Every structure is written in structure tokens, then in C-alpha cells.
Amino acid sequence: MLSLRNLLPRLVLRCFYVAIATLIAAMLPFFGDVNAIIGAFGFTPLDFVFPMVFYNIVFKPSRKSLIFWVNTTIAVVYSFVGFLGCIGAVRQVAMDAKNYKLFANL
């Protein structure tokens, strides 16, 4: 529930947070590459790997069943895809860092 007593501090802190995040994003000309690293480490496992692994752990399908092997295959393939995404994103950051200039996109 929204309380009027803490509305002003929340508003000020949220504006401060957005201003700092915007400043950092403007300072990094390769901010998209940093987001790619975060996505490869966070998005891929959370959306494609962990649900399949946890399904196999919680429901314990037989190792002879199709669902077990489909889940295992999806987890292995997308783990490899996430790993390749991390390598590509780190490589791109390293390439962009050679020509780094503060506030280069402004």
C-alpha cells in the first residue's frame, strides 16, 4: 500500500537511481555489450536451463522417458549457447574498450 509519509523519499531516491543509471549508460559507449554479458549469464540459464533441470529434479521422470531426454538436451544445448554468448560479449567489450572515450555517444 502506498503511504504518503514515504512518498517523497521514494520519489527522490528513484529519481536519483535513474539519474545515476543514465549517467553510467551515457559514459559507456559499449553499454549494450555489457547488457549482452548480463543476458548471457542471467537470461539464458534462468529461462532455458534451470526450468528443465528443476523439472527433472522435482518430478523425477524416468530416464527412459522422452520428456527427461528432451529436458536434458535443452539444458545442455542452451548451456552451450549461453557459454558462447558470454565469450562473444566479452570479446566485443574487449574490442570496444580499445577505442573507449568517455561520453563518446553524446
N, C-alpha and C. Protein backbone atom coordinates (compact mmCIF):
# COMPACT_ATOMS: atom_id res chain seq x y z
N MET A 1 0.84 -1.18 0.00
CA MET A 1 0.00 0.00 0.00
C MET A 1 0.88 1.24 0.00
N LEU A 2 0.46 2.23 -0.71
CA LEU A 2 1.21 3.47 -0.82
C LEU A 2 0.97 4.34 0.39
N SER A 3 2.05 4.74 1.04
CA SER A 3 1.96 5.61 2.19
C SER A 3 2.45 7.00 1.80
N LEU A 4 1.69 8.01 2.16
CA LEU A 4 2.09 9.38 1.84
C LEU A 4 3.32 9.80 2.62
N ARG A 5 3.56 9.15 3.75
CA ARG A 5 4.68 9.51 4.60
C ARG A 5 6.02 9.21 3.92
N ASN A 6 6.09 8.13 3.15
CA ASN A 6 7.35 7.80 2.50
C ASN A 6 7.33 8.06 1.00
N LEU A 7 6.36 8.80 0.51
CA LEU A 7 6.26 9.08 -0.91
C LEU A 7 7.41 9.96 -1.39
N LEU A 8 7.71 11.02 -0.68
CA LEU A 8 8.79 11.92 -1.10
C LEU A 8 10.16 11.24 -1.07
N PRO A 9 10.54 10.52 -0.01
CA PRO A 9 11.84 9.83 -0.06
C PRO A 9 11.92 8.80 -1.18
N ARG A 10 10.86 8.08 -1.42
CA ARG A 10 10.87 7.09 -2.50
C ARG A 10 11.01 7.76 -3.86
N LEU A 11 10.32 8.87 -4.04
CA LEU A 11 10.39 9.60 -5.30
C LEU A 11 11.79 10.16 -5.53
N VAL A 12 12.37 10.73 -4.50
CA VAL A 12 13.72 11.30 -4.61
C VAL A 12 14.74 10.20 -4.88
N LEU A 13 14.67 9.10 -4.15
CA LEU A 13 15.63 8.02 -4.35
C LEU A 13 15.48 7.36 -5.72
N ARG A 14 14.26 7.21 -6.18
CA ARG A 14 14.04 6.63 -7.51
C ARG A 14 14.59 7.54 -8.60
N CYS A 15 14.35 8.83 -8.48
CA CYS A 15 14.90 9.78 -9.46
C CYS A 15 16.42 9.78 -9.43
N PHE A 16 17.00 9.70 -8.24
CA PHE A 16 18.45 9.65 -8.11
C PHE A 16 19.00 8.38 -8.75
N TYR A 17 18.34 7.26 -8.52
CA TYR A 17 18.77 5.99 -9.09
C TYR A 17 18.71 6.03 -10.62
N VAL A 18 17.64 6.57 -11.18
CA VAL A 18 17.51 6.65 -12.63
C VAL A 18 18.56 7.59 -13.21
N ALA A 19 18.84 8.70 -12.52
CA ALA A 19 19.85 9.64 -12.99
C ALA A 19 21.24 8.99 -13.00
N ILE A 20 21.57 8.25 -11.96
CA ILE A 20 22.87 7.57 -11.90
C ILE A 20 22.97 6.49 -12.98
N ALA A 21 21.91 5.71 -13.17
CA ALA A 21 21.92 4.68 -14.21
C ALA A 21 22.05 5.29 -15.60
N THR A 22 21.40 6.42 -15.82
CA THR A 22 21.50 7.11 -17.10
C THR A 22 22.90 7.65 -17.32
N LEU A 23 23.50 8.18 -16.27
CA LEU A 23 24.86 8.69 -16.36
C LEU A 23 25.85 7.57 -16.69
N ILE A 24 25.71 6.45 -16.04
CA ILE A 24 26.59 5.31 -16.32
C ILE A 24 26.38 4.81 -17.74
N ALA A 25 25.13 4.74 -18.18
CA ALA A 25 24.84 4.29 -19.55
C ALA A 25 25.43 5.25 -20.57
N ALA A 26 25.39 6.55 -20.28
CA ALA A 26 25.96 7.53 -21.21
C ALA A 26 27.48 7.48 -21.22
N MET A 27 28.08 7.12 -20.10
CA MET A 27 29.53 7.06 -20.01
C MET A 27 30.10 5.86 -20.77
N LEU A 28 29.34 4.79 -20.86
CA LEU A 28 29.84 3.58 -21.50
C LEU A 28 29.34 3.51 -22.94
N PRO A 29 30.20 3.72 -23.90
CA PRO A 29 29.75 3.61 -25.29
C PRO A 29 29.42 2.17 -25.67
N PHE A 30 29.84 1.21 -24.88
CA PHE A 30 29.54 -0.19 -25.16
C PHE A 30 28.59 -0.75 -24.11
N PHE A 31 27.63 0.04 -23.67
CA PHE A 31 26.67 -0.38 -22.66
C PHE A 31 25.86 -1.59 -23.13
N GLY A 32 25.56 -1.63 -24.42
CA GLY A 32 24.83 -2.78 -24.97
C GLY A 32 25.62 -4.07 -24.85
N ASP A 33 26.93 -3.96 -24.96
CA ASP A 33 27.78 -5.15 -24.81
C ASP A 33 27.78 -5.64 -23.37
N VAL A 34 27.76 -4.70 -22.43
CA VAL A 34 27.68 -5.08 -21.02
C VAL A 34 26.33 -5.77 -20.76
N ASN A 35 25.28 -5.26 -21.36
CA ASN A 35 23.97 -5.92 -21.23
C ASN A 35 23.98 -7.31 -21.85
N ALA A 36 24.75 -7.51 -22.90
CA ALA A 36 24.86 -8.83 -23.52
C ALA A 36 25.51 -9.83 -22.56
N ILE A 37 26.52 -9.37 -21.82
CA ILE A 37 27.16 -10.26 -20.84
C ILE A 37 26.16 -10.63 -19.75
N ILE A 38 25.45 -9.63 -19.26
CA ILE A 38 24.45 -9.89 -18.21
C ILE A 38 23.37 -10.83 -18.73
N GLY A 39 22.95 -10.64 -19.96
CA GLY A 39 21.93 -11.51 -20.54
C GLY A 39 22.42 -12.94 -20.71
N ALA A 40 23.68 -13.08 -21.13
CA ALA A 40 24.22 -14.43 -21.33
C ALA A 40 24.38 -15.15 -20.00
N PHE A 41 24.77 -14.41 -18.95
CA PHE A 41 24.92 -15.04 -17.64
C PHE A 41 23.58 -15.24 -16.94
N GLY A 42 22.63 -14.33 -17.13
CA GLY A 42 21.39 -14.37 -16.37
C GLY A 42 20.19 -14.89 -17.13
N PHE A 43 19.95 -14.34 -18.31
CA PHE A 43 18.73 -14.66 -19.06
C PHE A 43 18.72 -16.10 -19.55
N THR A 44 19.79 -16.53 -20.16
CA THR A 44 19.82 -17.87 -20.75
C THR A 44 19.63 -18.97 -19.70
N PRO A 45 20.39 -18.96 -18.59
CA PRO A 45 20.15 -20.03 -17.61
C PRO A 45 18.77 -19.96 -16.96
N LEU A 46 18.32 -18.75 -16.63
CA LEU A 46 17.04 -18.64 -15.94
C LEU A 46 15.85 -19.04 -16.80
N ASP A 47 15.95 -18.81 -18.11
CA ASP A 47 14.81 -19.09 -18.98
C ASP A 47 14.87 -20.45 -19.66
N PHE A 48 16.06 -20.97 -19.90
CA PHE A 48 16.15 -22.19 -20.69
C PHE A 48 16.76 -23.37 -19.96
N VAL A 49 17.67 -23.12 -19.04
CA VAL A 49 18.39 -24.24 -18.42
C VAL A 49 17.74 -24.66 -17.10
N PHE A 50 17.62 -23.73 -16.17
CA PHE A 50 17.12 -24.08 -14.83
C PHE A 50 15.73 -24.70 -14.82
N PRO A 51 14.76 -24.19 -15.61
CA PRO A 51 13.44 -24.85 -15.57
C PRO A 51 13.49 -26.33 -15.98
N MET A 52 14.31 -26.64 -16.96
CA MET A 52 14.41 -28.04 -17.41
C MET A 52 15.07 -28.92 -16.36
N VAL A 53 16.15 -28.40 -15.78
CA VAL A 53 16.85 -29.16 -14.74
C VAL A 53 15.95 -29.35 -13.52
N PHE A 54 15.29 -28.27 -13.09
CA PHE A 54 14.43 -28.37 -11.91
C PHE A 54 13.22 -29.26 -12.15
N TYR A 55 12.69 -29.27 -13.38
CA TYR A 55 11.59 -30.18 -13.69
C TYR A 55 12.06 -31.63 -13.50
N ASN A 56 13.23 -31.94 -14.01
CA ASN A 56 13.76 -33.30 -13.87
C ASN A 56 14.04 -33.64 -12.41
N ILE A 57 14.47 -32.66 -11.62
CA ILE A 57 14.75 -32.92 -10.21
C ILE A 57 13.46 -33.09 -9.41
N VAL A 58 12.49 -32.23 -9.64
CA VAL A 58 11.26 -32.24 -8.82
C VAL A 58 10.35 -33.40 -9.20
N PHE A 59 10.10 -33.59 -10.49
CA PHE A 59 9.12 -34.59 -10.91
C PHE A 59 9.75 -35.96 -11.18
N LYS A 60 11.06 -36.03 -11.24
CA LYS A 60 11.80 -37.28 -11.42
C LYS A 60 11.21 -38.19 -12.50
N PRO A 61 11.18 -37.70 -13.75
CA PRO A 61 10.70 -38.60 -14.81
C PRO A 61 11.72 -39.72 -15.02
N SER A 62 11.23 -40.82 -15.52
CA SER A 62 12.10 -41.98 -15.76
C SER A 62 13.17 -41.60 -16.80
N ARG A 63 14.36 -42.16 -16.61
CA ARG A 63 15.44 -41.88 -17.56
C ARG A 63 15.14 -42.47 -18.94
N LYS A 64 14.15 -43.32 -19.02
CA LYS A 64 13.76 -43.91 -20.30
C LYS A 64 12.71 -43.07 -21.01
N SER A 65 12.15 -42.06 -20.32
CA SER A 65 11.07 -41.28 -20.91
C SER A 65 11.61 -40.19 -21.84
N LEU A 66 10.78 -39.82 -22.79
CA LEU A 66 11.14 -38.80 -23.76
C LEU A 66 11.31 -37.44 -23.09
N ILE A 67 10.46 -37.11 -22.15
CA ILE A 67 10.50 -35.79 -21.50
C ILE A 67 11.82 -35.57 -20.76
N PHE A 68 12.34 -36.62 -20.14
CA PHE A 68 13.63 -36.49 -19.45
C PHE A 68 14.73 -36.13 -20.43
N TRP A 69 14.78 -36.81 -21.55
CA TRP A 69 15.85 -36.57 -22.51
C TRP A 69 15.66 -35.27 -23.28
N VAL A 70 14.44 -34.88 -23.52
CA VAL A 70 14.20 -33.57 -24.16
C VAL A 70 14.65 -32.46 -23.22
N ASN A 71 14.27 -32.53 -21.94
CA ASN A 71 14.69 -31.52 -20.97
C ASN A 71 16.21 -31.48 -20.83
N THR A 72 16.83 -32.64 -20.76
CA THR A 72 18.29 -32.70 -20.63
C THR A 72 18.97 -32.12 -21.86
N THR A 73 18.46 -32.44 -23.03
CA THR A 73 19.03 -31.91 -24.27
C THR A 73 18.90 -30.39 -24.34
N ILE A 74 17.73 -29.87 -23.98
CA ILE A 74 17.52 -28.42 -23.98
C ILE A 74 18.48 -27.76 -22.99
N ALA A 75 18.65 -28.32 -21.82
CA ALA A 75 19.55 -27.75 -20.81
C ALA A 75 20.99 -27.74 -21.30
N VAL A 76 21.43 -28.82 -21.92
CA VAL A 76 22.82 -28.89 -22.40
C VAL A 76 23.04 -27.94 -23.57
N VAL A 77 22.14 -27.94 -24.53
CA VAL A 77 22.29 -27.07 -25.71
C VAL A 77 22.30 -25.61 -25.30
N TYR A 78 21.36 -25.19 -24.47
CA TYR A 78 21.30 -23.77 -24.10
C TYR A 78 22.40 -23.38 -23.10
N SER A 79 22.94 -24.33 -22.37
CA SER A 79 24.13 -24.02 -21.57
C SER A 79 25.29 -23.68 -22.49
N PHE A 80 25.44 -24.46 -23.56
CA PHE A 80 26.48 -24.19 -24.54
C PHE A 80 26.24 -22.86 -25.24
N VAL A 81 25.00 -22.57 -25.61
CA VAL A 81 24.66 -21.30 -26.25
C VAL A 81 24.96 -20.12 -25.31
N GLY A 82 24.61 -20.25 -24.04
CA GLY A 82 24.92 -19.19 -23.07
C GLY A 82 26.41 -18.98 -22.90
N PHE A 83 27.17 -20.09 -22.91
CA PHE A 83 28.62 -20.00 -22.80
C PHE A 83 29.20 -19.28 -24.02
N LEU A 84 28.73 -19.62 -25.21
CA LEU A 84 29.20 -18.94 -26.42
C LEU A 84 28.79 -17.47 -26.41
N GLY A 85 27.60 -17.17 -25.88
CA GLY A 85 27.17 -15.78 -25.77
C GLY A 85 28.06 -14.98 -24.84
N CYS A 86 28.49 -15.59 -23.74
CA CYS A 86 29.41 -14.92 -22.82
C CYS A 86 30.74 -14.63 -23.49
N ILE A 87 31.26 -15.61 -24.21
CA ILE A 87 32.54 -15.42 -24.90
C ILE A 87 32.42 -14.30 -25.93
N GLY A 88 31.36 -14.30 -26.71
CA GLY A 88 31.16 -13.26 -27.72
C GLY A 88 30.99 -11.89 -27.11
N ALA A 89 30.25 -11.79 -26.01
CA ALA A 89 30.02 -10.49 -25.38
C ALA A 89 31.30 -9.95 -24.75
N VAL A 90 32.08 -10.82 -24.11
CA VAL A 90 33.35 -10.37 -23.51
C VAL A 90 34.32 -9.95 -24.61
N ARG A 91 34.34 -10.67 -25.70
CA ARG A 91 35.20 -10.30 -26.83
C ARG A 91 34.80 -8.93 -27.38
N GLN A 92 33.51 -8.70 -27.52
CA GLN A 92 33.04 -7.41 -28.05
C GLN A 92 33.38 -6.27 -27.10
N VAL A 93 33.26 -6.49 -25.80
CA VAL A 93 33.64 -5.45 -24.83
C VAL A 93 35.13 -5.17 -24.94
N ALA A 94 35.95 -6.20 -25.08
CA ALA A 94 37.40 -6.01 -25.22
C ALA A 94 37.73 -5.23 -26.49
N MET A 95 37.03 -5.52 -27.56
CA MET A 95 37.28 -4.79 -28.81
C MET A 95 36.84 -3.33 -28.69
N ASP A 96 35.69 -3.10 -28.05
CA ASP A 96 35.19 -1.73 -27.90
C ASP A 96 36.02 -0.93 -26.90
N ALA A 97 36.62 -1.59 -25.94
CA ALA A 97 37.39 -0.89 -24.91
C ALA A 97 38.67 -0.28 -25.47
N LYS A 98 39.14 -0.80 -26.59
CA LYS A 98 40.35 -0.24 -27.20
C LYS A 98 40.14 1.20 -27.65
N ASN A 99 38.93 1.52 -28.08
CA ASN A 99 38.61 2.85 -28.59
C ASN A 99 37.73 3.62 -27.62
N TYR A 100 37.84 3.34 -26.33
CA TYR A 100 36.97 3.92 -25.33
C TYR A 100 37.22 5.41 -25.14
N LYS A 101 36.16 6.18 -25.18
CA LYS A 101 36.20 7.61 -24.86
C LYS A 101 34.97 7.91 -24.01
N LEU A 102 35.18 8.63 -22.94
CA LEU A 102 34.09 8.95 -22.02
C LEU A 102 33.05 9.80 -22.73
N PHE A 103 31.79 9.46 -22.59
CA PHE A 103 30.65 10.15 -23.21
C PHE A 103 30.82 10.22 -24.73
N ALA A 104 31.24 9.13 -25.36
CA ALA A 104 31.53 9.14 -26.79
C ALA A 104 30.28 9.25 -27.67
N ASN A 105 29.13 8.80 -27.18
CA ASN A 105 27.93 8.80 -27.99
C ASN A 105 27.13 10.09 -27.91
N LEU A 106 27.55 11.03 -27.10
CA LEU A 106 26.77 12.25 -26.93
C LEU A 106 27.17 13.32 -27.90
